Amino acid sequence: MSDWMPEPDTAQRGEAEAAEGAPAAPEGPSFDPAPPAPLGVTRTPTGHAGVDARLDRLADADHLAADGHHEVYEDVHRGLRDELTALDARPAPAPTPAHDNRS
């Protein structure tokens, strides 16, 4: 039989050293993410008030952490889809009569 023992993993070594009174290894530096900041993306008006209002809603994502963007994007997508559906539901304009300019 052999007296060989496998090397303990790093966590076990840290616990063993701490138990022996050795100083514990310092933990990694703390990470503080930067606060939300506007991306500075300009939105060009489309001329359609409903669409422009939906696109303006994208600015709300500028003030949220990344995990809050999804809700804003979903809301804008849903609103744009509703605007397109409303455009499809409007009756088409009546055709204009043809003019006979042969006289």
PDB file of N, CA and C in Angstrom:
ATOM      1  N   MET A   1       0.823  -1.174   0.000  1.00  0.00           N
ATOM      2  CA  MET A   1       0.000   0.000   0.000  1.00  0.00           C
ATOM      3  C   MET A   1       0.877   1.251   0.000  1.00  0.00           C
ATOM      4  N   SER A   2       0.452   2.295  -0.676  1.00  0.00           N
ATOM      5  CA  SER A   2       1.243   3.512  -0.814  1.00  0.00           C
ATOM      6  C   SER A   2       0.775   4.555   0.181  1.00  0.00           C
ATOM      7  N   ASP A   3       1.709   5.424   0.597  1.00  0.00           N
ATOM      8  CA  ASP A   3       1.373   6.512   1.519  1.00  0.00           C
ATOM      9  C   ASP A   3       1.000   7.788   0.768  1.00  0.00           C
ATOM     10  N   TRP A   4       0.900   7.682  -0.563  1.00  0.00           N
ATOM     11  CA  TRP A   4       0.589   8.864  -1.371  1.00  0.00           C
ATOM     12  C   TRP A   4      -0.823   9.344  -1.100  1.00  0.00           C
ATOM     13  N   MET A   5      -0.966  10.648  -0.938  1.00  0.00           N
ATOM     14  CA  MET A   5      -2.274  11.267  -0.717  1.00  0.00           C
ATOM     15  C   MET A   5      -2.458  12.338  -1.788  1.00  0.00           C
ATOM     16  N   PRO A   6      -3.640  12.446  -2.344  1.00  0.00           N
ATOM     17  CA  PRO A   6      -3.849  13.487  -3.353  1.00  0.00           C
ATOM     18  C   PRO A   6      -3.708  14.879  -2.735  1.00  0.00           C
ATOM     19  N   GLU A   7      -3.276  15.818  -3.573  1.00  0.00           N
ATOM     20  CA  GLU A   7      -3.118  17.216  -3.150  1.00  0.00           C
ATOM     21  C   GLU A   7      -4.503  17.805  -2.875  1.00  0.00           C
ATOM     22  N   PRO A   8      -4.734  18.445  -1.728  1.00  0.00           N
ATOM     23  CA  PRO A   8      -6.054  19.047  -1.469  1.00  0.00           C
ATOM     24  C   PRO A   8      -6.285  20.211  -2.434  1.00  0.00           C
ATOM     25  N   ASP A   9      -7.552  20.432  -2.755  1.00  0.00           N
ATOM     26  CA  ASP A   9      -7.843  21.552  -3.648  1.00  0.00           C
ATOM     27  C   ASP A   9      -7.609  22.877  -2.924  1.00  0.00           C
ATOM     28  N   THR A  10      -7.684  23.963  -3.642  1.00  0.00           N
ATOM     29  CA  THR A  10      -7.335  25.269  -3.111  1.00  0.00           C
ATOM     30  C   THR A  10      -8.192  25.643  -1.904  1.00  0.00           C
ATOM     31  N   ALA A  11      -9.478  25.353  -1.963  1.00  0.00           N
ATOM     32  CA  ALA A  11     -10.363  25.703  -0.845  1.00  0.00           C
ATOM     33  C   ALA A  11      -9.978  24.929   0.402  1.00  0.00           C
ATOM     34  N   GLN A  12      -9.663  23.655   0.225  1.00  0.00           N
ATOM     35  CA  GLN A  12      -9.265  22.848   1.381  1.00  0.00           C
ATOM     36  C   GLN A  12      -7.945  23.339   1.942  1.00  0.00           C
ATOM     37  N   ARG A  13      -6.997  23.735   1.070  1.00  0.00           N
ATOM     38  CA  ARG A  13      -5.717  24.250   1.557  1.00  0.00           C
ATOM     39  C   ARG A  13      -5.930  25.529   2.332  1.00  0.00           C
ATOM     40  N   GLY A  14      -6.816  26.425   1.836  1.00  0.00           N
ATOM     41  CA  GLY A  14      -7.077  27.679   2.533  1.00  0.00           C
ATOM     42  C   GLY A  14      -7.670  27.435   3.904  1.00  0.00           C
ATOM     43  N   GLU A  15      -8.575  26.467   3.990  1.00  0.00           N
ATOM     44  CA  GLU A  15      -9.173  26.128   5.280  1.00  0.00           C
ATOM     45  C   GLU A  15      -8.121  25.532   6.208  1.00  0.00           C
ATOM     46  N   ALA A  16      -7.259  24.679   5.664  1.00  0.00           N
ATOM     47  CA  ALA A  16      -6.224  24.050   6.478  1.00  0.00           C
ATOM     48  C   ALA A  16      -5.242  25.099   6.989  1.00  0.00           C
ATOM     49  N   GLU A  17      -4.832  26.034   6.129  1.00  0.00           N
ATOM     50  CA  GLU A  17      -3.912  27.090   6.556  1.00  0.00           C
ATOM     51  C   GLU A  17      -4.564  27.968   7.609  1.00  0.00           C
ATOM     52  N   ALA A  18      -5.837  28.295   7.433  1.00  0.00           N
ATOM     53  CA  ALA A  18      -6.539  29.124   8.411  1.00  0.00           C
ATOM     54  C   ALA A  18      -6.618  28.395   9.743  1.00  0.00           C
ATOM     55  N   ALA A  19      -6.818  27.080   9.673  1.00  0.00           N
ATOM     56  CA  ALA A  19      -6.894  26.297  10.905  1.00  0.00           C
ATOM     57  C   ALA A  19      -5.542  26.242  11.594  1.00  0.00           C
ATOM     58  N   GLU A  20      -4.457  26.294  10.832  1.00  0.00           N
ATOM     59  CA  GLU A  20      -3.121  26.249  11.403  1.00  0.00           C
ATOM     60  C   GLU A  20      -2.662  27.615  11.879  1.00  0.00           C
ATOM     61  N   GLY A  21      -3.450  28.649  11.696  1.00  0.00           N
ATOM     62  CA  GLY A  21      -3.086  29.978  12.158  1.00  0.00           C
ATOM     63  C   GLY A  21      -2.388  30.807  11.098  1.00  0.00           C
ATOM     64  N   ALA A  22      -2.229  30.281   9.901  1.00  0.00           N
ATOM     65  CA  ALA A  22      -1.610  31.059   8.831  1.00  0.00           C
ATOM     66  C   ALA A  22      -2.598  32.101   8.341  1.00  0.00           C
ATOM     67  N   PRO A  23      -2.093  33.234   7.886  1.00  0.00           N
ATOM     68  CA  PRO A  23      -3.031  34.258   7.397  1.00  0.00           C
ATOM     69  C   PRO A  23      -3.768  33.754   6.158  1.00  0.00           C
ATOM     70  N   ALA A  24      -5.029  34.069   6.106  1.00  0.00           N
ATOM     71  CA  ALA A  24      -5.842  33.656   4.960  1.00  0.00           C
ATOM     72  C   ALA A  24      -5.440  34.485   3.745  1.00  0.00           C
ATOM     73  N   ALA A  25      -5.553  33.891   2.588  1.00  0.00           N
ATOM     74  CA  ALA A  25      -5.231  34.601   1.361  1.00  0.00           C
ATOM     75  C   ALA A  25      -6.247  35.726   1.162  1.00  0.00           C
ATOM     76  N   PRO A  26      -5.761  36.873   0.727  1.00  0.00           N
ATOM     77  CA  PRO A  26      -6.711  37.977   0.523  1.00  0.00           C
ATOM     78  C   PRO A  26      -7.680  37.649  -0.606  1.00  0.00           C
ATOM     79  N   GLU A  27      -8.895  38.093  -0.430  1.00  0.00           N
ATOM     80  CA  GLU A  27      -9.895  37.887  -1.466  1.00  0.00           C
ATOM     81  C   GLU A  27      -9.617  38.861  -2.598  1.00  0.00           C
ATOM     82  N   GLY A  28     -10.194  38.583  -3.765  1.00  0.00           N
ATOM     83  CA  GLY A  28     -10.001  39.445  -4.928  1.00  0.00           C
ATOM     84  C   GLY A  28     -10.547  40.826  -4.674  1.00  0.00           C
ATOM     85  N   PRO A  29     -10.169  41.774  -5.516  1.00  0.00           N
ATOM     86  CA  PRO A  29     -10.661  43.137  -5.319  1.00  0.00           C
ATOM     87  C   PRO A  29     -12.170  43.186  -5.508  1.00  0.00           C
ATOM     88  N   SER A  30     -12.796  44.065  -4.757  1.00  0.00           N
ATOM     89  CA  SER A  30     -14.246  44.195  -4.899  1.00  0.00           C
ATOM     90  C   SER A  30     -14.531  44.899  -6.216  1.00  0.00           C
ATOM     91  N   PHE A  31     -15.638  44.557  -6.818  1.00  0.00           N
ATOM     92  CA  PHE A  31     -16.011  45.119  -8.118  1.00  0.00           C
ATOM     93  C   PHE A  31     -17.262  45.945  -7.955  1.00  0.00           C
ATOM     94  N   ASP A  32     -17.135  47.229  -8.175  1.00  0.00           N
ATOM     95  CA  ASP A  32     -18.280  48.127  -8.144  1.00  0.00           C
ATOM     96  C   ASP A  32     -18.553  48.561  -9.580  1.00  0.00           C
ATOM     97  N   PRO A  33     -19.663  48.087 -10.166  1.00  0.00           N
ATOM     98  CA  PRO A  33     -19.945  48.476 -11.555  1.00  0.00           C
ATOM     99  C   PRO A  33     -20.229  49.971 -11.646  1.00  0.00           C
ATOM    100  N   ALA A  34     -19.941  50.521 -12.789  1.00  0.00           N
ATOM    101  CA  ALA A  34     -20.223  51.934 -13.019  1.00  0.00           C
ATOM    102  C   ALA A  34     -21.736  52.150 -13.015  1.00  0.00           C
ATOM    103  N   PRO A  35     -22.177  53.300 -12.565  1.00  0.00           N
ATOM    104  CA  PRO A  35     -23.622  53.558 -12.579  1.00  0.00           C
ATOM    105  C   PRO A  35     -24.126  53.680 -14.016  1.00  0.00           C
ATOM    106  N   PRO A  36     -25.434  53.495 -14.226  1.00  0.00           N
ATOM    107  CA  PRO A  36     -25.988  53.633 -15.571  1.00  0.00           C
ATOM    108  C   PRO A  36     -25.669  55.017 -16.141  1.00  0.00           C
ATOM    109  N   ALA A  37     -25.401  55.052 -17.434  1.00  0.00           N
ATOM    110  CA  ALA A  37     -25.107  56.316 -18.109  1.00  0.00           C
ATOM    111  C   ALA A  37     -25.754  56.294 -19.493  1.00  0.00           C
ATOM    112  N   PRO A  38     -26.230  57.444 -19.945  1.00  0.00           N
ATOM    113  CA  PRO A  38     -26.830  57.499 -21.280  1.00  0.00           C
ATOM    114  C   PRO A  38     -25.833  57.071 -22.346  1.00  0.00           C
ATOM    115  N   LEU A  39     -26.332  56.371 -23.353  1.00  0.00           N
ATOM    116  CA  LEU A  39     -25.472  55.927 -24.444  1.00  0.00           C
ATOM    117  C   LEU A  39     -25.239  57.033 -25.459  1.00  0.00           C
ATOM    118  N   GLY A  40     -26.085  58.031 -25.458  1.00  0.00           N
ATOM    119  CA  GLY A  40     -25.928  59.136 -26.389  1.00  0.00           C
ATOM    120  C   GLY A  40     -26.411  58.813 -27.795  1.00  0.00           C
ATOM    121  N   VAL A  41     -27.293  57.839 -27.916  1.00  0.00           N
ATOM    122  CA  VAL A  41     -27.839  57.482 -29.223  1.00  0.00           C
ATOM    123  C   VAL A  41     -28.961  58.468 -29.544  1.00  0.00           C
ATOM    124  N   THR A  42     -28.838  59.117 -30.688  1.00  0.00           N
ATOM    125  CA  THR A  42     -29.885  60.064 -31.075  1.00  0.00           C
ATOM    126  C   THR A  42     -31.008  59.325 -31.788  1.00  0.00           C
ATOM    127  N   ARG A  43     -32.210  59.782 -31.537  1.00  0.00           N
ATOM    128  CA  ARG A  43     -33.388  59.201 -32.167  1.00  0.00           C
ATOM    129  C   ARG A  43     -33.978  60.250 -33.108  1.00  0.00           C
ATOM    130  N   THR A  44     -34.043  59.929 -34.357  1.00  0.00           N
ATOM    131  CA  THR A  44     -34.587  60.836 -35.360  1.00  0.00           C
ATOM    132  C   THR A  44     -36.100  60.667 -35.414  1.00  0.00           C
ATOM    133  N   PRO A  45     -36.853  61.758 -35.279  1.00  0.00           N
ATOM    134  CA  PRO A  45     -38.315  61.647 -35.347  1.00  0.00           C
ATOM    135  C   PRO A  45     -38.765  61.075 -36.688  1.00  0.00           C
ATOM    136  N   THR A  46     -39.797  60.250 -36.611  1.00  0.00           N
ATOM    137  CA  THR A  46     -40.334  59.623 -37.819  1.00  0.00           C
ATOM    138  C   THR A  46     -41.460  60.438 -38.429  1.00  0.00           C
ATOM    139  N   GLY A  47     -42.047  61.349 -37.638  1.00  0.00           N
ATOM    140  CA  GLY A  47     -43.192  62.106 -38.119  1.00  0.00           C
ATOM    141  C   GLY A  47     -44.513  61.472 -37.724  1.00  0.00           C
ATOM    142  N   HIS A  48     -44.468  60.278 -37.168  1.00  0.00           N
ATOM    143  CA  HIS A  48     -45.675  59.602 -36.694  1.00  0.00           C
ATOM    144  C   HIS A  48     -45.639  59.678 -35.168  1.00  0.00           C
ATOM    145  N   ALA A  49     -46.577  60.412 -34.587  1.00  0.00           N
ATOM    146  CA  ALA A  49     -46.551  60.699 -33.154  1.00  0.00           C
ATOM    147  C   ALA A  49     -46.499  59.438 -32.297  1.00  0.00           C
ATOM    148  N   GLY A  50     -47.291  58.424 -32.643  1.00  0.00           N
ATOM    149  CA  GLY A  50     -47.314  57.196 -31.855  1.00  0.00           C
ATOM    150  C   GLY A  50     -45.987  56.461 -31.887  1.00  0.00           C
ATOM    151  N   VAL A  51     -45.373  56.381 -33.054  1.00  0.00           N
ATOM    152  CA  VAL A  51     -44.076  55.709 -33.191  1.00  0.00           C
ATOM    153  C   VAL A  51     -43.005  56.505 -32.456  1.00  0.00           C
ATOM    154  N   ASP A  52     -43.023  57.828 -32.623  1.00  0.00           N
ATOM    155  CA  ASP A  52     -42.024  58.663 -31.965  1.00  0.00           C
ATOM    156  C   ASP A  52     -42.110  58.546 -30.441  1.00  0.00           C
ATOM    157  N   ALA A  53     -43.329  58.467 -29.913  1.00  0.00           N
ATOM    158  CA  ALA A  53     -43.496  58.311 -28.460  1.00  0.00           C
ATOM    159  C   ALA A  53     -42.896  56.981 -27.996  1.00  0.00           C
ATOM    160  N   ARG A  54     -43.103  55.937 -28.778  1.00  0.00           N
ATOM    161  CA  ARG A  54     -42.547  54.627 -28.411  1.00  0.00           C
ATOM    162  C   ARG A  54     -41.023  54.661 -28.458  1.00  0.00           C
ATOM    163  N   LEU A  55     -40.469  55.280 -29.486  1.00  0.00           N
ATOM    164  CA  LEU A  55     -39.019  55.354 -29.597  1.00  0.00           C
ATOM    165  C   LEU A  55     -38.411  56.225 -28.500  1.00  0.00           C
ATOM    166  N   ASP A  56     -39.135  57.264 -28.090  1.00  0.00           N
ATOM    167  CA  ASP A  56     -38.652  58.107 -26.986  1.00  0.00           C
ATOM    168  C   ASP A  56     -38.562  57.307 -25.687  1.00  0.00           C
ATOM    169  N   ARG A  57     -39.379  56.287 -25.554  1.00  0.00           N
ATOM    170  CA  ARG A  57     -39.360  55.435 -24.361  1.00  0.00           C
ATOM    171  C   ARG A  57     -38.008  54.726 -24.213  1.00  0.00           C
ATOM    172  N   LEU A  58     -37.287  54.554 -25.318  1.00  0.00           N
ATOM    173  CA  LEU A  58     -35.968  53.922 -25.241  1.00  0.00           C
ATOM    174  C   LEU A  58     -35.012  54.703 -24.341  1.00  0.00           C
ATOM    175  N   ALA A  59     -35.223  55.999 -24.220  1.00  0.00           N
ATOM    176  CA  ALA A  59     -34.372  56.823 -23.357  1.00  0.00           C
ATOM    177  C   ALA A  59     -34.462  56.378 -21.904  1.00  0.00           C
ATOM    178  N   ASP A  60     -35.550  55.725 -21.510  1.00  0.00           N
ATOM    179  CA  ASP A  60     -35.683  55.238 -20.138  1.00  0.00           C
ATOM    180  C   ASP A  60     -34.606  54.210 -19.805  1.00  0.00           C
ATOM    181  N   ALA A  61     -34.134  53.477 -20.798  1.00  0.00           N
ATOM    182  CA  ALA A  61     -33.102  52.470 -20.556  1.00  0.00           C
ATOM    183  C   ALA A  61     -31.777  53.121 -20.179  1.00  0.00           C
ATOM    184  N   ASP A  62     -31.577  54.387 -20.547  1.00  0.00           N
ATOM    185  CA  ASP A  62     -30.330  55.077 -20.220  1.00  0.00           C
ATOM    186  C   ASP A  62     -30.106  55.215 -18.725  1.00  0.00           C
ATOM    187  N   HIS A  63     -31.165  55.162 -17.948  1.00  0.00           N
ATOM    188  CA  HIS A  63     -31.056  55.395 -16.513  1.00  0.00           C
ATOM    189  C   HIS A  63     -31.186  54.110 -15.697  1.00  0.00           C
ATOM    190  N   LEU A  64     -31.192  52.972 -16.385  1.00  0.00           N
ATOM    191  CA  LEU A  64     -31.352  51.688 -15.714  1.00  0.00           C
ATOM    192  C   LEU A  64     -30.080  50.862 -15.832  1.00  0.00           C
ATOM    193  N   ALA A  65     -29.884  49.980 -14.875  1.00  0.00           N
ATOM    194  CA  ALA A  65     -28.810  49.001 -14.994  1.00  0.00           C
ATOM    195  C   ALA A  65     -29.167  48.054 -16.143  1.00  0.00           C
ATOM    196  N   ALA A  66     -28.183  47.363 -16.667  1.00  0.00           N
ATOM    197  CA  ALA A  66     -28.388  46.513 -17.846  1.00  0.00           C
ATOM    198  C   ALA A  66     -29.513  45.504 -17.648  1.00  0.00           C
ATOM    199  N   ASP A  67     -29.678  44.987 -16.439  1.00  0.00           N
ATOM    200  CA  ASP A  67     -30.727  43.984 -16.232  1.00  0.00           C
ATOM    201  C   ASP A  67     -32.136  44.592 -16.303  1.00  0.00           C
ATOM    202  N   GLY A  68     -32.256  45.910 -16.326  1.00  0.00           N
ATOM    203  CA  GLY A  68     -33.553  46.556 -16.469  1.00  0.00           C
ATOM    204  C   GLY A  68     -33.889  46.926 -17.905  1.00  0.00           C
ATOM    205  N   HIS A  69     -32.924  46.784 -18.817  1.00  0.00           N
ATOM    206  CA  HIS A  69     -33.161  47.156 -20.215  1.00  0.00           C
ATOM    207  C   HIS A  69     -34.202  46.272 -20.879  1.00  0.00           C
ATOM    208  N   HIS A  70     -34.202  45.010 -20.540  1.00  0.00           N
ATOM    209  CA  HIS A  70     -35.097  44.056 -21.194  1.00  0.00           C
ATOM    210  C   HIS A  70     -36.559  44.511 -21.109  1.00  0.00           C
ATOM    211  N   GLU A  71     -36.958  44.950 -19.946  1.00  0.00           N
ATOM    212  CA  GLU A  71     -38.350  45.382 -19.759  1.00  0.00           C
ATOM    213  C   GLU A  71     -38.680  46.570 -20.662  1.00  0.00           C
ATOM    214  N   VAL A  72     -37.763  47.525 -20.774  1.00  0.00           N
ATOM    215  CA  VAL A  72     -37.992  48.689 -21.630  1.00  0.00           C
ATOM    216  C   VAL A  72     -38.072  48.257 -23.091  1.00  0.00           C
ATOM    217  N   TYR A  73     -37.132  47.415 -23.523  1.00  0.00           N
ATOM    218  CA  TYR A  73     -37.122  46.971 -24.920  1.00  0.00           C
ATOM    219  C   TYR A  73     -38.386  46.194 -25.265  1.00  0.00           C
ATOM    220  N   GLU A  74     -38.832  45.347 -24.353  1.00  0.00           N
ATOM    221  CA  GLU A  74     -40.068  44.595 -24.596  1.00  0.00           C
ATOM    222  C   GLU A  74     -41.262  45.543 -24.708  1.00  0.00           C
ATOM    223  N   ASP A  75     -41.301  46.549 -23.846  1.00  0.00           N
ATOM    224  CA  ASP A  75     -42.398  47.513 -23.877  1.00  0.00           C
ATOM    225  C   ASP A  75     -42.397  48.288 -25.196  1.00  0.00           C
ATOM    226  N   VAL A  76     -41.228  48.727 -25.636  1.00  0.00           N
ATOM    227  CA  VAL A  76     -41.128  49.467 -26.903  1.00  0.00           C
ATOM    228  C   VAL A  76     -41.524  48.570 -28.068  1.00  0.00           C
ATOM    229  N   HIS A  77     -41.048  47.341 -28.059  1.00  0.00           N
ATOM    230  CA  HIS A  77     -41.381  46.410 -29.141  1.00  0.00           C
ATOM    231  C   HIS A  77     -42.893  46.177 -29.213  1.00  0.00           C
ATOM    232  N   ARG A  78     -43.498  45.955 -28.061  1.00  0.00           N
ATOM    233  CA  ARG A  78     -44.950  45.737 -28.006  1.00  0.00           C
ATOM    234  C   ARG A  78     -45.682  46.978 -28.524  1.00  0.00           C
ATOM    235  N   GLY A  79     -45.233  48.163 -28.115  1.00  0.00           N
ATOM    236  CA  GLY A  79     -45.884  49.395 -28.553  1.00  0.00           C
ATOM    237  C   GLY A  79     -45.742  49.635 -30.046  1.00  0.00           C
ATOM    238  N   LEU A  80     -44.557  49.367 -30.593  1.00  0.00           N
ATOM    239  CA  LEU A  80     -44.370  49.527 -32.037  1.00  0.00           C
ATOM    240  C   LEU A  80     -45.225  48.535 -32.817  1.00  0.00           C
ATOM    241  N   ARG A  81     -45.325  47.322 -32.308  1.00  0.00           N
ATOM    242  CA  ARG A  81     -46.183  46.324 -32.951  1.00  0.00           C
ATOM    243  C   ARG A  81     -47.638  46.794 -32.930  1.00  0.00           C
ATOM    244  N   ASP A  82     -48.081  47.362 -31.820  1.00  0.00           N
ATOM    245  CA  ASP A  82     -49.450  47.885 -31.729  1.00  0.00           C
ATOM    246  C   ASP A  82     -49.664  49.030 -32.717  1.00  0.00           C
ATOM    247  N   GLU A  83     -48.668  49.904 -32.862  1.00  0.00           N
ATOM    248  CA  GLU A  83     -48.786  51.015 -33.820  1.00  0.00           C
ATOM    249  C   GLU A  83     -48.918  50.484 -35.242  1.00  0.00           C
ATOM    250  N   LEU A  84     -48.120  49.485 -35.594  1.00  0.00           N
ATOM    251  CA  LEU A  84     -48.211  48.912 -36.940  1.00  0.00           C
ATOM    252  C   LEU A  84     -49.556  48.226 -37.166  1.00  0.00           C
ATOM    253  N   THR A  85     -50.045  47.536 -36.144  1.00  0.00           N
ATOM    254  CA  THR A  85     -51.348  46.881 -36.251  1.00  0.00           C
ATOM    255  C   THR A  85     -52.442  47.919 -36.463  1.00  0.00           C
ATOM    256  N   ALA A  86     -52.344  49.044 -35.753  1.00  0.00           N
ATOM    257  CA  ALA A  86     -53.343  50.107 -35.905  1.00  0.00           C
ATOM    258  C   ALA A  86     -53.297  50.696 -37.312  1.00  0.00           C
ATOM    259  N   LEU A  87     -52.104  50.831 -37.871  1.00  0.00           N
ATOM    260  CA  LEU A  87     -51.999  51.344 -39.244  1.00  0.00           C
ATOM    261  C   LEU A  87     -52.642  50.381 -40.237  1.00  0.00           C
ATOM    262  N   ASP A  88     -52.465  49.086 -40.020  1.00  0.00           N
ATOM    263  CA  ASP A  88     -53.074  48.092 -40.901  1.00  0.00           C
ATOM    264  C   ASP A  88     -54.586  48.065 -40.777  1.00  0.00           C
ATOM    265  N   ALA A  89     -55.112  48.438 -39.615  1.00  0.00           N
ATOM    266  CA  ALA A  89     -56.552  48.365 -39.374  1.00  0.00           C
ATOM    267  C   ALA A  89     -57.300  49.562 -39.955  1.00  0.00           C
ATOM    268  N   ARG A  90     -56.595  50.638 -40.246  1.00  0.00           N
ATOM    269  CA  ARG A  90     -57.276  51.815 -40.808  1.00  0.00           C
ATOM    270  C   ARG A  90     -57.746  51.512 -42.220  1.00  0.00           C
ATOM    271  N   PRO A  91     -58.903  52.043 -42.576  1.00  0.00           N
ATOM    272  CA  PRO A  91     -59.368  51.825 -43.955  1.00  0.00           C
ATOM    273  C   PRO A  91     -58.444  52.540 -44.937  1.00  0.00           C
ATOM    274  N   ALA A  92     -58.283  51.928 -46.077  1.00  0.00           N
ATOM    275  CA  ALA A  92     -57.460  52.536 -47.131  1.00  0.00           C
ATOM    276  C   ALA A  92     -58.175  53.766 -47.676  1.00  0.00           C
ATOM    277  N   PRO A  93     -57.430  54.768 -48.088  1.00  0.00           N
ATOM    278  CA  PRO A  93     -58.087  55.949 -48.645  1.00  0.00           C
ATOM    279  C   PRO A  93     -58.823  55.586 -49.928  1.00  0.00           C
ATOM    280  N   ALA A  94     -59.918  56.288 -50.150  1.00  0.00           N
ATOM    281  CA  ALA A  94     -60.718  56.044 -51.360  1.00  0.00           C
ATOM    282  C   ALA A  94     -59.891  56.419 -52.583  1.00  0.00           C
ATOM    283  N   PRO A  95     -59.995  55.631 -53.624  1.00  0.00           N
ATOM    284  CA  PRO A  95     -59.240  55.975 -54.837  1.00  0.00           C
ATOM    285  C   PRO A  95     -59.762  57.265 -55.442  1.00  0.00           C
ATOM    286  N   THR A  96     -58.860  58.018 -56.017  1.00  0.00           N
ATOM    287  CA  THR A  96     -59.280  59.258 -56.667  1.00  0.00           C
ATOM    288  C   THR A  96     -59.730  58.933 -58.080  1.00  0.00           C
ATOM    289  N   PRO A  97     -60.739  59.647 -58.553  1.00  0.00           N
ATOM    290  CA  PRO A  97     -61.216  59.360 -59.915  1.00  0.00           C
ATOM    291  C   PRO A  97     -60.131  59.682 -60.939  1.00  0.00           C
ATOM    292  N   ALA A  98     -60.105  58.917 -61.972  1.00  0.00           N
ATOM    293  CA  ALA A  98     -59.140  59.162 -63.046  1.00  0.00           C
ATOM    294  C   ALA A  98     -59.578  60.387 -63.835  1.00  0.00           C
ATOM    295  N   HIS A  99     -58.646  61.155 -64.253  1.00  0.00           N
ATOM    296  CA  HIS A  99     -58.953  62.351 -65.034  1.00  0.00           C
ATOM    297  C   HIS A  99     -58.635  62.066 -66.496  1.00  0.00           C
ATOM    298  N   ASP A 100     -59.566  62.455 -67.332  1.00  0.00           N
ATOM    299  CA  ASP A 100     -59.364  62.288 -68.770  1.00  0.00           C
ATOM    300  C   ASP A 100     -58.951  63.643 -69.338  1.00  0.00           C
ATOM    301  N   ASN A 101     -57.710  63.772 -69.629  1.00  0.00           N
ATOM    302  CA  ASN A 101     -57.189  65.053 -70.123  1.00  0.00           C
ATOM    303  C   ASN A 101     -57.095  65.083 -71.656  1.00  0.00           C
ATOM    304  N   ARG A 102     -57.897  64.272 -72.363  1.00  0.00           N
ATOM    305  CA  ARG A 102     -57.799  64.210 -73.814  1.00  0.00           C
ATOM    306  C   ARG A 102     -58.607  65.289 -74.515  1.00  0.00           C
ATOM    307  N   SER A 103     -59.294  66.097 -73.850  1.00  0.00           N
ATOM    308  CA  SER A 103     -60.158  67.040 -74.543  1.00  0.00           C
ATOM    309  C   SER A 103     -59.439  68.210 -75.151  1.00  0.00           C
TER     310      SER A 103
END
